Amino acid sequence: MSFQRLIRHVPSLVASGLVLARWSHRPLVKRLYTTKSTPRFISVQSSRAAVSSQGASSHDSSTQDSRASEIKDAKLIFNQAWKHIEDHYGRENIHLPREFIFLMGAPGSGKGTHTPSLLRARGITNSPISISQLLQTPECKELINQGQMISDRYVIELLLHALLNCDPTVGILVDGFPRTDVQVEALKMLHEKMTELRSEFYNTDRRDQFPRPVFRIAVLYVDEEISLQRQLARGKMIREHNAQIKKTGQGELWEERVTDNDETVIRERYSIFKAHYGSLLKLSKMFPFHLINATGSIKEVLDIIMKEFEYQSSLELDSDTYDAISHIPLASKIGIHARLDLISRLEHYQDTEPSTMKQAIEYIDEHVTPHIVRHSISGHAMIRTENQLLDDSHFVNIVMDVLSERGYHVSFDSRERYVPTAVDLKTGKINLETHHIHVLTIDFPKHYIRALEQKFS
């Protein structure tokens, strides 16, 4: 059933007292449903309390008992939202993306600026889901402008619908979730539900539609004064831009944010962020947690983001797959001790078999160095030979180690070639002689003649 049918009920639900959000106009992903289901709507009675203000002062005064109560309420809230989703889409049709990046940040930390960089770093083609964009009704805007927050239950259900409205074959970035203790607990439960679905369908033909979920938390951080300065500067820039547009009648007006003009509101928003940051830290025990210092320039912050979100197989592969291949050394780590190992081997050769070492050096002087000199401009030499010294793999190792110590990149290959030597005319039998063809491939820095000519011209 199309989700557009649900959207048509928005006016009546708002009139009944619900605080609903307007969906962003992104193209719907076509889904094939195996069962028909009727969408469930949030009851008016349960949604009368959908709007709640949660200031920093009330958060700071919470006790351990209220924390336990919040966790209990979070389970109830999430289970209700999940039940509505299952009823609407069908359990077997809850196809969610594999990778989730939950992006949070202090006000003015540049989430909007750096979101495209995060998407590129992870190869995510889905449009980001912005909680603030989902909550764009006049009622929600008024509360947000007052520095207050929308109910957790409503935000969670809107988010689940949005997640099911994207391409599940690629990752997704969620901007502005989780913000509260209840939402943090709901995020843990979402991970549990996805893991549960994977186990349920693991031995069916739907297995690939329920991948192992990978959750990553990213928090962009700036201190309060930088946050204040950035937002006030943004508000000033927008006002000046709009004044110029009104004066000339040319161009497009930019949306003015109330939160960019009032220092009191800005500080209230920052205090809410600080109050909820403790909730985010709880996720660091479960999921990869990236705290990114966003006080630098755009390029500096971008470099940090790219480094933080490099591919990590231990996070992204299934545990069985990772366990099967993890014993193979990483390319980035294999050379850490290679230099020390090379020195140890060369000294061992010289101490225990100096004659073989001398023979290897003489071979290099006579048969390798002339080729290297001949190809010094190209930086690449390939030596094919049937020299019987290279039939001995240990001798080859010594030659390669000596060349490696001198800065050359060496690879070695050996093949057999069969050459006919005689034919028995009576039986037709062909006698073959085996030849061992050895190939040394040597790479080294090129010599740029053109650059030198330009330098002295």
Protein backbone atom coordinates (compact mmCIF):
# COMPACT_ATOMS: atom_id res chain seq x y z
CA MET A 1 0.00 0.00 0.00
CA SER A 2 1.34 3.43 -0.95
CA PHE A 3 2.51 5.67 1.82
CA GLN A 4 0.78 8.54 0.02
CA ARG A 5 -2.49 7.30 1.54
CA LEU A 6 -1.09 7.95 4.97
CA ILE A 7 -0.06 11.47 3.98
CA ARG A 8 -3.63 12.34 2.97
CA HIS A 9 -4.71 11.95 6.58
CA VAL A 10 -2.33 14.62 7.86
CA PRO A 11 -4.88 17.52 7.91
CA SER A 12 -7.43 15.55 9.90
CA LEU A 13 -4.82 14.35 12.36
CA VAL A 14 -3.50 17.87 12.90
CA ALA A 15 -7.04 19.11 13.44
CA SER A 16 -7.46 16.41 16.07
CA GLY A 17 -4.52 17.75 18.05
CA LEU A 18 -1.64 15.72 16.63
CA VAL A 19 1.71 17.31 15.97
CA LEU A 20 2.70 15.84 12.63
CA ALA A 21 5.66 16.52 10.39
CA ARG A 22 5.76 17.22 6.66
CA TRP A 23 7.69 14.63 4.71
CA SER A 24 10.50 15.77 2.46
CA HIS A 25 9.72 15.30 -1.23
CA ARG A 26 12.10 12.51 -2.12
CA PRO A 27 11.25 9.91 -4.77
CA LEU A 28 9.63 6.84 -3.29
CA VAL A 29 11.48 3.56 -3.64
CA LYS A 30 9.31 0.91 -5.28
CA ARG A 31 8.73 -2.04 -2.97
CA LEU A 32 7.03 -5.34 -3.59
CA TYR A 33 4.85 -6.40 -0.67
CA THR A 34 3.99 -10.03 -0.16
CA THR A 35 1.11 -9.25 2.18
CA LYS A 36 -1.44 -6.50 2.27
CA SER A 37 -1.57 -4.41 5.39
CA THR A 38 -3.66 -1.51 6.59
CA PRO A 39 -1.69 1.45 7.93
CA ARG A 40 -2.13 2.18 11.58
CA PHE A 41 -2.59 5.74 12.71
CA ILE A 42 -1.50 7.21 16.01
CA SER A 43 -4.50 7.49 18.30
CA VAL A 44 -5.57 10.98 19.29
CA GLN A 45 -5.62 10.08 22.98
CA SER A 46 -2.07 8.81 23.03
CA SER A 47 -0.84 11.71 20.95
CA ARG A 48 -2.27 14.54 23.00
CA ALA A 49 0.99 14.40 24.92
CA ALA A 50 3.05 14.31 21.77
CA VAL A 51 4.52 17.73 22.42
CA SER A 52 6.64 18.07 25.52
CA SER A 53 9.19 20.66 26.56
CA GLN A 54 12.43 19.27 27.84
CA GLY A 55 14.67 22.05 29.07
CA ALA A 56 18.16 21.61 30.38
CA SER A 57 17.11 22.35 33.94
CA SER A 58 14.63 19.47 34.07
CA HIS A 59 17.26 17.14 32.57
CA ASP A 60 19.88 18.12 35.11
CA SER A 61 17.50 17.44 38.01
CA SER A 62 16.61 13.92 36.86
CA THR A 63 17.39 11.11 39.33
CA GLN A 64 18.38 7.48 38.90
CA ASP A 65 14.74 6.51 39.40
CA SER A 66 13.60 8.77 36.60
CA ARG A 67 16.37 7.33 34.40
CA ALA A 68 15.03 3.82 34.97
CA SER A 69 11.55 5.11 34.23
CA GLU A 70 12.78 6.69 31.00
CA ILE A 71 14.29 3.39 29.83
CA LYS A 72 11.03 1.62 30.61
CA ASP A 73 9.07 4.30 28.76
CA ALA A 74 11.51 4.09 25.84
CA LYS A 75 10.78 0.40 25.42
CA LEU A 76 7.06 1.04 25.45
CA ILE A 77 7.37 3.97 23.03
CA PHE A 78 9.61 2.10 20.60
CA ASN A 79 7.52 -1.08 20.66
CA GLN A 80 4.38 0.92 19.85
CA ALA A 81 6.10 2.66 16.95
CA TRP A 82 7.58 -0.63 15.67
CA LYS A 83 4.17 -2.33 15.87
CA HIS A 84 2.68 0.39 13.69
CA ILE A 85 5.50 -0.08 11.17
CA GLU A 86 5.05 -3.87 11.06
CA ASP A 87 1.31 -3.50 10.59
CA HIS A 88 1.78 -1.02 7.77
CA TYR A 89 4.58 -2.66 5.76
CA GLY A 90 4.52 -6.28 6.89
CA ARG A 91 7.37 -7.74 8.94
CA GLU A 92 8.98 -9.47 5.96
CA ASN A 93 9.04 -6.17 4.05
CA ILE A 94 10.98 -4.15 6.62
CA HIS A 95 14.07 -3.76 4.45
CA LEU A 96 16.41 -1.26 6.08
CA PRO A 97 19.85 -0.08 4.94
CA ARG A 98 22.95 -1.88 6.15
CA GLU A 99 24.92 1.18 7.25
CA PHE A 100 23.55 3.97 9.43
CA ILE A 101 25.42 7.15 10.27
CA PHE A 102 23.67 9.11 13.01
CA LEU A 103 24.99 12.65 12.82
CA MET A 104 24.69 14.96 15.78
CA GLY A 105 26.32 18.26 16.49
CA ALA A 106 26.33 21.38 18.56
CA PRO A 107 24.33 24.26 17.08
CA GLY A 108 26.54 26.01 14.54
CA SER A 109 28.97 23.09 14.24
CA GLY A 110 28.48 22.84 10.47
CA LYS A 111 26.43 19.68 10.07
CA GLY A 112 24.87 20.96 6.87
CA THR A 113 28.27 21.95 5.51
CA HIS A 114 29.95 18.62 6.23
CA THR A 115 27.11 16.22 5.46
CA PRO A 116 28.05 15.95 1.74
CA SER A 117 31.61 15.02 2.77
CA LEU A 118 30.35 12.24 5.01
CA LEU A 119 28.14 10.91 2.21
CA ARG A 120 31.05 10.87 -0.24
CA ALA A 121 33.37 9.24 2.29
CA ARG A 122 30.98 6.33 2.73
CA GLY A 123 29.57 6.14 -0.81
CA ILE A 124 26.03 6.88 0.38
CA THR A 125 23.65 7.93 -2.42
CA ASN A 126 20.47 8.15 -0.36
CA SER A 127 19.45 11.69 0.50
CA PRO A 128 20.14 12.37 4.19
CA ILE A 129 17.21 12.19 6.57
CA SER A 130 17.04 15.39 8.58
CA ILE A 131 14.86 15.23 11.67
CA SER A 132 14.47 19.00 11.60
CA GLN A 133 13.11 18.75 8.06
CA LEU A 134 10.63 16.08 9.11
CA LEU A 135 9.36 18.40 11.84
CA GLN A 136 8.24 21.36 9.78
CA THR A 137 4.62 21.90 10.78
CA PRO A 138 3.80 25.33 12.28
CA GLU A 139 3.19 23.73 15.68
CA CYS A 140 6.57 22.05 15.69
CA LYS A 141 8.32 25.17 14.41
CA GLU A 142 6.90 27.24 17.24
CA LEU A 143 8.17 24.83 19.88
CA ILE A 144 11.57 24.50 18.24
CA ASN A 145 11.92 28.28 18.07
CA GLN A 146 11.25 28.36 21.81
CA GLY A 147 14.13 25.94 22.33
CA GLN A 148 11.77 23.07 23.20
CA MET A 149 11.56 19.56 21.76
CA ILE A 150 9.01 17.29 20.07
CA SER A 151 7.88 14.03 21.69
CA ASP A 152 10.22 11.07 21.32
CA ARG A 153 7.50 8.69 20.21
CA TYR A 154 6.49 10.85 17.32
CA VAL A 155 10.06 11.45 16.17
CA ILE A 156 10.83 7.71 16.29
CA GLU A 157 7.84 6.74 14.17
CA LEU A 158 8.54 9.46 11.61
CA LEU A 159 12.14 8.28 11.39
CA LEU A 160 11.16 4.64 10.84
CA HIS A 161 8.86 5.63 7.97
CA ALA A 162 11.61 7.75 6.43
CA LEU A 163 14.13 4.88 6.70
CA LEU A 164 11.74 2.60 4.84
CA ASN A 165 11.30 5.26 2.18
CA CYS A 166 14.94 5.09 1.02
CA ASP A 167 17.02 2.68 -1.04
CA PRO A 168 17.93 -0.19 1.32
CA THR A 169 20.86 -1.32 -0.82
CA VAL A 170 23.04 1.63 0.24
CA GLY A 171 23.67 3.40 3.52
CA ILE A 172 21.79 6.30 5.09
CA LEU A 173 22.76 9.36 7.11
CA VAL A 174 20.36 10.56 9.78
CA ASP A 175 20.87 14.15 10.91
CA GLY A 176 19.66 15.09 14.38
CA PHE A 177 18.94 11.72 15.97
CA PRO A 178 19.18 10.64 18.76
CA ARG A 179 18.77 13.72 20.97
CA THR A 180 17.24 12.40 24.18
CA ASP A 181 17.70 9.50 26.60
CA VAL A 182 14.55 7.86 25.23
CA GLN A 183 15.78 8.18 21.64
CA VAL A 184 19.16 6.73 22.62
CA GLU A 185 17.43 3.68 24.10
CA ALA A 186 15.21 3.45 21.00
CA LEU A 187 18.31 3.41 18.80
CA LYS A 188 19.67 0.42 20.71
CA MET A 189 16.32 -1.33 20.28
CA LEU A 190 16.29 -0.60 16.55
CA HIS A 191 19.67 -2.35 16.28
CA GLU A 192 18.28 -5.28 18.26
CA LYS A 193 15.22 -5.49 16.00
CA MET A 194 17.37 -5.50 12.85
CA THR A 195 19.59 -8.21 14.32
CA GLU A 196 16.48 -10.19 15.25
CA LEU A 197 15.12 -9.89 11.70
CA ARG A 198 18.45 -11.05 10.28
CA SER A 199 18.40 -14.15 12.48
CA GLU A 200 14.78 -14.86 11.58
CA PHE A 201 15.35 -14.73 7.81
CA TYR A 202 18.97 -15.95 7.76
CA ASN A 203 18.14 -19.41 6.40
CA THR A 204 15.58 -18.20 3.86
CA ASP A 205 15.80 -16.75 0.35
CA ARG A 206 15.29 -13.31 1.94
CA ARG A 207 18.60 -13.46 3.77
CA ASP A 208 20.30 -10.72 1.71
CA GLN A 209 17.42 -8.32 2.41
CA PHE A 210 18.26 -8.34 6.12
CA PRO A 211 21.98 -7.46 6.40
CA ARG A 212 23.92 -7.16 9.62
CA PRO A 213 23.31 -3.55 10.76
CA VAL A 214 26.28 -1.22 11.12
CA PHE A 215 25.54 1.82 13.31
CA ARG A 216 28.03 4.68 13.60
CA ILE A 217 27.60 7.79 15.71
CA ALA A 218 29.22 11.07 14.64
CA VAL A 219 29.16 14.19 16.80
CA LEU A 220 30.51 17.52 15.55
CA TYR A 221 31.60 19.61 18.51
CA VAL A 222 32.28 23.32 19.01
CA ASP A 223 32.27 25.21 22.29
CA GLU A 224 29.44 27.53 23.27
CA GLU A 225 31.05 30.84 22.31
CA ILE A 226 32.01 29.62 18.83
CA SER A 227 28.49 28.24 18.44
CA LEU A 228 27.04 31.62 19.42
CA GLN A 229 29.32 33.59 17.09
CA ARG A 230 28.64 31.33 14.11
CA GLN A 231 24.86 31.47 14.50
CA LEU A 232 24.75 35.24 14.98
CA ALA A 233 27.03 35.68 11.96
CA ARG A 234 24.80 33.41 9.90
CA GLY A 235 21.72 35.36 10.95
CA LYS A 236 23.40 38.67 10.05
CA MET A 237 24.44 37.34 6.65
CA ILE A 238 20.90 36.12 5.91
CA ARG A 239 19.33 39.43 6.95
CA GLU A 240 21.76 41.42 4.79
CA HIS A 241 21.14 39.10 1.85
CA ASN A 242 17.35 39.36 2.18
CA ALA A 243 17.53 43.15 2.56
CA GLN A 244 19.48 43.36 -0.71
CA ILE A 245 16.96 41.09 -2.46
CA LYS A 246 14.05 43.23 -1.25
CA LYS A 247 15.84 46.37 -2.37
CA THR A 248 16.70 45.16 -5.87
CA GLY A 249 13.82 42.77 -6.44
CA GLN A 250 16.25 40.23 -7.86
CA GLY A 251 17.27 36.89 -6.40
CA GLU A 252 15.76 34.50 -3.90
CA LEU A 253 15.06 35.17 -0.25
CA TRP A 254 16.76 32.92 2.31
CA GLU A 255 14.88 31.52 5.29
CA GLU A 256 15.58 33.48 8.46
CA ARG A 257 15.93 31.39 11.60
CA VAL A 258 14.67 32.81 14.85
CA THR A 259 17.49 30.92 16.57
CA ASP A 260 20.09 32.88 14.60
CA ASN A 261 18.99 36.24 15.93
CA ASP A 262 18.37 35.81 19.66
CA GLU A 263 21.39 35.16 21.88
CA THR A 264 19.18 33.86 24.72
CA VAL A 265 17.58 31.26 22.45
CA ILE A 266 20.97 30.29 21.02
CA ARG A 267 22.39 29.66 24.49
CA GLU A 268 19.27 27.71 25.46
CA ARG A 269 19.72 25.45 22.43
CA TYR A 270 23.36 24.88 23.33
CA SER A 271 22.46 24.01 26.92
CA ILE A 272 20.01 21.40 25.61
CA PHE A 273 22.78 19.95 23.41
CA LYS A 274 25.10 19.72 26.43
CA ALA A 275 22.41 18.12 28.54
CA HIS A 276 21.78 15.45 25.92
CA TYR A 277 25.44 14.84 25.10
CA GLY A 278 25.67 12.55 28.11
CA SER A 279 23.01 10.38 26.52
CA LEU A 280 25.02 10.15 23.31
CA LEU A 281 28.09 9.02 25.21
CA LYS A 282 26.20 5.91 26.32
CA LEU A 283 26.17 4.79 22.69
CA SER A 284 29.98 4.77 22.57
CA LYS A 285 29.91 1.51 24.51
CA MET A 286 27.84 -0.18 21.79
CA PHE A 287 28.68 1.46 18.46
CA PRO A 288 31.65 3.18 16.79
CA PHE A 289 31.61 6.72 18.17
CA HIS A 290 33.28 9.60 16.31
CA LEU A 291 33.70 12.85 18.25
CA ILE A 292 34.89 15.37 15.66
CA ASN A 293 36.40 18.72 16.58
CA ALA A 294 34.57 21.14 14.25
CA THR A 295 36.25 24.37 15.39
CA GLY A 296 38.79 24.44 12.55
CA SER A 297 38.41 25.49 8.93
CA ILE A 298 36.13 23.59 6.57
CA LYS A 299 39.14 21.82 5.03
CA GLU A 300 40.59 20.88 8.44
CA VAL A 301 37.29 19.43 9.62
CA LEU A 302 36.85 17.62 6.29
CA ASP A 303 40.26 15.96 6.69
CA ILE A 304 39.27 14.76 10.16
CA ILE A 305 35.97 13.39 8.86
CA MET A 306 37.63 11.49 6.00
CA LYS A 307 40.13 9.93 8.38
CA GLU A 308 37.47 8.97 10.92
CA PHE A 309 35.29 7.28 8.32
CA GLU A 310 37.88 5.24 6.47
CA TYR A 311 36.84 1.69 5.65
CA GLN A 312 37.11 -0.63 8.66
CA SER A 313 36.52 -4.29 7.86
CA SER A 314 36.00 -5.25 11.51
CA LEU A 315 32.95 -2.96 11.59
CA GLU A 316 31.48 -3.63 8.19
CA LEU A 317 31.94 -7.34 7.54
CA ASP A 318 29.85 -10.07 9.10
CA SER A 319 31.64 -11.52 12.10
CA ASP A 320 32.04 -14.95 10.42
CA THR A 321 33.53 -13.38 7.30
CA TYR A 322 35.84 -11.14 9.30
CA ASP A 323 37.02 -14.04 11.48
CA ALA A 324 37.78 -16.09 8.37
CA ILE A 325 40.09 -13.47 6.80
CA SER A 326 41.40 -11.45 9.75
CA HIS A 327 44.58 -13.55 10.11
CA ILE A 328 45.82 -12.18 6.77
CA PRO A 329 48.04 -9.14 7.51
CA LEU A 330 46.71 -5.72 6.51
CA ALA A 331 48.59 -4.10 3.64
CA SER A 332 48.96 -0.94 5.72
CA LYS A 333 50.58 -2.90 8.58
CA ILE A 334 52.67 -5.47 6.72
CA GLY A 335 55.60 -3.11 6.18
CA ILE A 336 55.86 -1.69 9.70
CA HIS A 337 58.67 -4.05 10.75
CA ALA A 338 59.84 -4.96 7.26
CA ARG A 339 62.90 -2.69 7.41
CA LEU A 340 64.17 -4.18 10.67
CA ASP A 341 63.50 -7.70 9.41
CA LEU A 342 65.42 -6.96 6.20
CA ILE A 343 68.47 -5.72 8.14
CA SER A 344 68.40 -8.80 10.36
CA ARG A 345 68.33 -11.12 7.35
CA LEU A 346 71.22 -9.36 5.58
CA GLU A 347 73.39 -9.49 8.69
CA HIS A 348 72.51 -13.16 9.13
CA TYR A 349 73.58 -13.89 5.55
CA GLN A 350 76.91 -12.12 6.08
CA ASP A 351 77.58 -13.88 9.40
CA THR A 352 76.55 -17.45 8.50
CA GLU A 353 77.13 -17.75 4.72
CA PRO A 354 79.46 -14.97 3.57
CA SER A 355 80.46 -16.84 0.42
CA THR A 356 76.83 -17.06 -0.78
CA MET A 357 76.34 -13.42 0.11
CA LYS A 358 79.42 -12.49 -1.93
CA GLN A 359 78.19 -14.60 -4.85
CA ALA A 360 74.81 -12.84 -4.79
CA ILE A 361 76.46 -9.41 -4.79
CA GLU A 362 78.67 -10.43 -7.72
CA TYR A 363 75.60 -11.64 -9.61
CA ILE A 364 73.94 -8.26 -9.07
CA ASP A 365 77.06 -6.40 -10.22
CA GLU A 366 77.41 -8.46 -13.39
CA HIS A 367 73.84 -9.25 -14.45
CA VAL A 368 71.45 -6.82 -12.75
CA THR A 369 73.11 -3.41 -12.40
CA PRO A 370 73.80 -3.05 -16.17
CA HIS A 371 70.08 -3.52 -16.90
CA ILE A 372 69.11 -1.01 -14.24
CA VAL A 373 71.49 1.59 -15.65
CA ARG A 374 70.20 0.91 -19.17
CA HIS A 375 66.61 1.57 -18.05
CA SER A 376 67.33 4.42 -15.63
CA ILE A 377 65.02 6.84 -17.45
CA SER A 378 61.97 4.55 -17.40
CA GLY A 379 62.44 3.42 -13.80
CA HIS A 380 61.56 -0.16 -14.76
CA ALA A 381 63.76 -3.10 -15.73
CA MET A 382 62.75 -6.68 -16.54
CA ILE A 383 65.48 -9.32 -16.66
CA ARG A 384 64.77 -12.71 -18.24
CA THR A 385 67.48 -15.30 -17.71
CA GLU A 386 68.18 -19.03 -17.55
CA ASN A 387 71.09 -18.54 -15.16
CA GLN A 388 71.18 -21.66 -13.00
CA LEU A 389 72.08 -19.66 -9.90
CA LEU A 390 68.45 -18.54 -9.77
CA ASP A 391 67.26 -22.14 -9.62
CA ASP A 392 68.12 -21.89 -5.92
CA SER A 393 65.26 -20.05 -4.16
CA HIS A 394 67.49 -19.17 -1.20
CA PHE A 395 69.99 -17.48 -3.51
CA VAL A 396 67.11 -15.55 -5.07
CA ASN A 397 66.00 -14.37 -1.62
CA ILE A 398 69.47 -12.99 -0.91
CA VAL A 399 69.54 -11.15 -4.24
CA MET A 400 66.10 -9.64 -3.63
CA ASP A 401 67.00 -8.58 -0.08
CA VAL A 402 70.19 -6.85 -1.23
CA LEU A 403 68.33 -4.98 -3.97
CA SER A 404 65.50 -4.07 -1.56
CA GLU A 405 68.00 -2.64 0.90
CA ARG A 406 69.31 -0.38 -1.88
CA GLY A 407 65.81 1.01 -2.49
CA TYR A 408 64.64 -1.11 -5.43
CA HIS A 409 61.21 -2.75 -5.61
CA VAL A 410 61.81 -6.30 -6.78
CA SER A 411 59.54 -9.18 -7.75
CA PHE A 412 60.57 -12.61 -9.03
CA ASP A 413 58.86 -15.19 -11.21
CA SER A 414 60.08 -18.55 -12.49
CA ARG A 415 58.54 -20.68 -15.22
CA GLU A 416 59.41 -23.87 -17.06
CA ARG A 417 59.69 -24.10 -20.83
CA TYR A 418 59.86 -27.44 -22.63
CA VAL A 419 62.03 -27.52 -25.77
CA PRO A 420 61.88 -30.51 -28.18
CA THR A 421 65.29 -32.11 -28.67
CA ALA A 422 64.57 -35.33 -30.60
CA VAL A 423 61.75 -37.30 -32.19
CA ASP A 424 61.54 -41.09 -32.38
CA LEU A 425 60.23 -41.67 -35.90
CA LYS A 426 59.09 -45.18 -35.07
CA THR A 427 57.11 -44.44 -31.95
CA GLY A 428 56.44 -40.74 -32.47
CA LYS A 429 57.76 -39.97 -29.01
CA ILE A 430 59.18 -36.47 -28.58
CA ASN A 431 62.01 -35.93 -26.17
CA LEU A 432 61.76 -32.65 -24.30
CA GLU A 433 64.36 -30.61 -22.49
CA THR A 434 63.26 -28.51 -19.54
CA HIS A 435 64.45 -24.91 -19.39
CA HIS A 436 63.89 -22.76 -16.30
CA ILE A 437 63.07 -19.17 -17.28
CA HIS A 438 63.57 -16.70 -14.44
CA VAL A 439 62.21 -13.15 -14.50
CA LEU A 440 63.37 -10.37 -12.19
CA THR A 441 61.17 -7.26 -12.32
CA ILE A 442 62.78 -4.18 -10.81
CA ASP A 443 61.16 -0.77 -10.27
CA PHE A 444 62.89 2.37 -9.02
CA PRO A 445 62.45 6.19 -9.20
CA LYS A 446 62.35 7.62 -12.70
CA HIS A 447 64.78 10.19 -14.07
CA TYR A 448 62.84 13.18 -15.44
CA ILE A 449 64.95 14.74 -18.20
CA ARG A 450 62.20 17.12 -19.35
CA ALA A 451 61.85 18.62 -15.87
CA LEU A 452 65.60 19.35 -15.73
CA GLU A 453 65.56 21.05 -19.12
CA GLN A 454 62.70 23.28 -18.01
CA LYS A 455 64.46 24.09 -14.77
CA PHE A 456 67.52 25.53 -16.54
CA SER A 457 65.71 27.13 -19.51
